[in-house]
């Protein structure tokens, strides 16, 4: 019986190791490419932001009117935009004075704007103009990206300091320490999905 022992072939070993390294580098390149593509796709998503500070107007006939102007700063259009706006007193003891649901039929392409007008017809807002307690304004936006078929939600937390000595106060963003109390209030009263 004869044993046929092959001699170690350095060239075969070099080719095998090179092929394995090339395959590993190719897999890493594919992973990096897919990750980069997903990041770029997510960066192109629609995103709504204020184009100017929210405005507040008062007239004897219509009372207070809040206006929020949104702009799509993303690359992809926003479709099926719906919003739920809640206004409630800052003490978080009472039910909301306004729950407004709003839907936009048309797409909102890149750099396009849309406005949200609120006119809470509430006695405390129209009769006692000298003093109005501070209120929170919560705007929950839901919209879709028709290119990647993905839905997004945004919640905007604002605070209106009300009316002090017949002077309308500005609308500002909620402070971080107030957000958890607001979220607890919303959850307790089942106001947002």
Protein backbone atom coordinates (compact mmCIF):
# COMPACT_ATOMS: atom_id res chain seq x y z
CA UNK A 1 0.00 0.00 0.00
CA UNK A 2 1.33 3.36 -0.99
CA UNK A 3 0.41 6.63 0.62
CA UNK A 4 0.36 9.57 -1.68
CA UNK A 5 1.30 12.61 0.37
CA UNK A 6 1.07 15.87 -1.44
CA UNK A 7 3.63 18.45 -0.69
CA UNK A 8 2.53 21.74 0.82
CA UNK A 9 1.80 24.13 -2.01
CA UNK A 10 2.37 27.71 -0.99
CA UNK A 11 0.72 29.19 -4.05
CA UNK A 12 -2.57 27.34 -3.34
CA UNK A 13 -2.51 28.59 0.23
CA UNK A 14 -1.90 32.18 -0.84
CA UNK A 15 -4.78 31.99 -3.34
CA UNK A 16 -7.15 30.48 -0.73
CA UNK A 17 -6.28 33.07 1.92
CA UNK A 18 -6.55 35.91 -0.63
CA UNK A 19 -9.97 34.67 -1.76
CA UNK A 20 -11.19 34.46 1.85
CA UNK A 21 -9.96 38.00 2.57
CA UNK A 22 -11.56 39.29 -0.64
CA UNK A 23 -14.90 37.64 0.30
CA UNK A 24 -14.77 39.15 3.79
CA UNK A 25 -13.97 42.63 2.42
CA UNK A 26 -16.84 42.27 -0.09
CA UNK A 27 -19.30 41.38 2.68
CA UNK A 28 -18.16 44.36 4.75
CA UNK A 29 -18.51 46.65 1.71
CA UNK A 30 -22.05 45.41 1.04
CA UNK A 31 -22.99 45.93 4.71
CA UNK A 32 -21.58 49.49 4.68
CA UNK A 33 -23.37 50.27 1.40
CA UNK A 34 -26.73 49.01 2.68
CA UNK A 35 -26.31 50.90 5.98
CA UNK A 36 -25.38 54.11 4.13
CA UNK A 37 -28.33 53.71 1.77
CA UNK A 38 -30.75 53.25 4.70
CA UNK A 39 -29.32 56.31 6.46
CA UNK A 40 -29.63 58.43 3.30
CA UNK A 41 -33.19 57.19 2.76
CA UNK A 42 -34.13 58.10 6.33
CA UNK A 43 -32.50 61.53 5.95
CA UNK A 44 -34.65 62.20 2.87
CA UNK A 45 -37.89 61.53 4.79
CA UNK A 46 -40.50 64.28 5.06
CA UNK A 47 -40.15 66.38 8.20
CA UNK A 48 -42.47 69.19 9.26
CA UNK A 49 -41.20 72.17 11.19
CA UNK A 50 -42.36 75.71 11.97
CA UNK A 51 -41.35 78.28 9.37
CA UNK A 52 -42.07 81.09 11.79
CA UNK A 53 -43.17 81.43 15.39
CA UNK A 54 -46.79 80.48 16.02
CA UNK A 55 -49.05 83.50 15.95
CA UNK A 56 -51.96 84.46 18.15
CA UNK A 57 -54.65 86.98 17.20
CA UNK A 58 -57.70 88.23 19.06
CA UNK A 59 -60.81 89.92 17.78
CA UNK A 60 -64.08 90.74 19.55
CA UNK A 61 -66.06 88.69 17.02
CA UNK A 62 -64.04 85.52 16.73
CA UNK A 63 -62.08 85.45 19.99
CA UNK A 64 -58.61 83.95 19.96
CA UNK A 65 -57.14 82.40 16.85
CA UNK A 66 -53.91 80.43 16.89
CA UNK A 67 -52.00 79.93 13.63
CA UNK A 68 -49.21 77.42 13.11
CA UNK A 69 -47.38 77.39 9.77
CA UNK A 70 -45.52 74.19 8.95
CA UNK A 71 -42.96 73.59 6.22
CA UNK A 72 -41.79 70.25 4.86
CA UNK A 73 -38.00 70.51 5.13
CA UNK A 74 -37.46 66.89 4.06
CA UNK A 75 -36.67 65.78 0.54
CA UNK A 76 -39.66 63.44 0.14
CA UNK A 77 -43.25 64.74 0.11
CA UNK A 78 -45.54 64.26 3.10
CA UNK A 79 -48.88 62.61 2.37
CA UNK A 80 -51.95 61.79 4.44
CA UNK A 81 -51.15 64.51 6.96
CA UNK A 82 -53.44 64.47 9.96
CA UNK A 83 -53.11 66.34 13.20
CA UNK A 84 -54.68 66.32 16.61
CA UNK A 85 -54.30 69.52 18.60
CA UNK A 86 -55.09 69.73 22.28
CA UNK A 87 -55.29 72.86 24.43
CA UNK A 88 -55.59 72.50 28.18
CA UNK A 89 -54.78 74.54 31.27
CA UNK A 90 -51.28 74.32 32.68
CA UNK A 91 -52.49 72.98 36.06
CA UNK A 92 -53.46 69.72 34.28
CA UNK A 93 -56.59 69.42 36.43
CA UNK A 94 -59.34 69.92 33.83
CA UNK A 95 -60.32 68.36 30.56
CA UNK A 96 -58.97 70.01 27.40
CA UNK A 97 -60.76 73.14 26.28
CA UNK A 98 -60.07 72.21 22.65
CA UNK A 99 -59.53 68.93 20.82
CA UNK A 100 -59.16 69.62 17.11
CA UNK A 101 -58.60 66.93 14.46
CA UNK A 102 -57.45 68.12 11.05
CA UNK A 103 -56.56 66.31 7.82
CA UNK A 104 -54.81 67.63 4.72
CA UNK A 105 -55.91 65.98 1.48
CA UNK A 106 -53.08 67.19 -0.78
CA UNK A 107 -49.45 66.12 -0.67
CA UNK A 108 -46.99 68.53 0.90
CA UNK A 109 -43.89 68.49 -1.31
CA UNK A 110 -40.43 69.63 -0.27
CA UNK A 111 -40.29 73.30 0.83
CA UNK A 112 -44.11 73.58 0.69
CA UNK A 113 -46.08 74.97 3.62
CA UNK A 114 -49.39 74.27 5.26
CA UNK A 115 -51.18 76.13 8.02
CA UNK A 116 -53.12 74.95 11.02
CA UNK A 117 -55.69 77.45 12.34
CA UNK A 118 -57.35 76.98 15.71
CA UNK A 119 -60.22 79.03 17.01
CA UNK A 120 -61.17 77.77 20.46
CA UNK A 121 -64.63 79.12 21.18
CA UNK A 122 -64.48 78.88 24.93
CA UNK A 123 -66.13 81.30 27.36
CA UNK A 124 -62.98 81.66 29.44
CA UNK A 125 -61.13 82.81 26.31
CA UNK A 126 -63.68 85.32 25.12
CA UNK A 127 -65.13 86.97 28.23
CA UNK A 128 -62.25 87.42 30.65
CA UNK A 129 -59.57 89.09 28.57
CA UNK A 130 -57.82 90.69 31.52
CA UNK A 131 -56.42 87.42 32.83
CA UNK A 132 -56.28 84.02 31.12
CA UNK A 133 -54.40 81.19 32.80
CA UNK A 134 -51.42 79.58 31.05
CA UNK A 135 -52.25 76.70 28.70
CA UNK A 136 -50.37 73.88 27.03
CA UNK A 137 -50.82 73.33 23.30
CA UNK A 138 -49.96 69.85 22.04
CA UNK A 139 -49.87 69.14 18.31
CA UNK A 140 -49.59 65.51 17.24
CA UNK A 141 -48.77 65.12 13.53
CA UNK A 142 -49.04 61.90 11.53
CA UNK A 143 -48.00 61.64 7.90
CA UNK A 144 -46.57 59.21 5.35
CA UNK A 145 -43.66 59.08 2.95
CA UNK A 146 -45.09 57.82 -0.38
CA UNK A 147 -41.65 56.94 -1.75
CA UNK A 148 -40.54 54.49 0.96
CA UNK A 149 -44.08 53.72 2.19
CA UNK A 150 -43.34 54.55 5.81
CA UNK A 151 -45.41 56.50 8.35
CA UNK A 152 -44.08 59.04 10.82
CA UNK A 153 -45.39 60.83 13.89
CA UNK A 154 -44.25 64.05 15.52
CA UNK A 155 -45.52 65.57 18.73
CA UNK A 156 -44.92 69.26 19.37
CA UNK A 157 -45.21 70.54 22.93
CA UNK A 158 -45.95 74.25 23.29
CA UNK A 159 -46.95 76.55 26.12
CA UNK A 160 -48.99 79.73 25.97
CA UNK A 161 -48.60 81.89 29.08
CA UNK A 162 -52.13 83.26 28.56
CA UNK A 163 -53.12 86.87 29.14
CA UNK A 164 -51.59 88.89 31.96
CA UNK A 165 -52.88 92.43 32.62
CA UNK A 166 -54.64 92.56 29.25
CA UNK A 167 -51.41 91.58 27.42
CA UNK A 168 -51.25 88.46 25.29
CA UNK A 169 -48.22 86.39 26.16
CA UNK A 170 -46.12 84.57 23.53
CA UNK A 171 -46.31 80.90 22.60
CA UNK A 172 -43.08 79.12 23.55
CA UNK A 173 -41.75 75.57 23.70
CA UNK A 174 -42.41 73.47 26.78
CA UNK A 175 -39.55 72.97 29.22
CA UNK A 176 -38.11 69.49 29.61
CA UNK A 177 -39.30 69.09 33.21
CA UNK A 178 -42.92 69.78 32.12
CA UNK A 179 -42.98 67.16 29.36
CA UNK A 180 -43.32 64.10 31.62
CA UNK A 181 -46.28 65.68 33.48
CA UNK A 182 -47.96 66.45 30.15
CA UNK A 183 -47.38 62.90 28.88
CA UNK A 184 -48.88 61.51 32.10
CA UNK A 185 -51.92 63.79 31.66
CA UNK A 186 -52.37 62.70 28.03
CA UNK A 187 -52.06 59.04 28.94
CA UNK A 188 -54.42 59.31 31.93
CA UNK A 189 -57.11 61.00 29.82
CA UNK A 190 -56.38 58.79 26.75
CA UNK A 191 -56.06 61.82 24.48
CA UNK A 192 -53.38 60.64 22.05
CA UNK A 193 -52.82 57.27 20.39
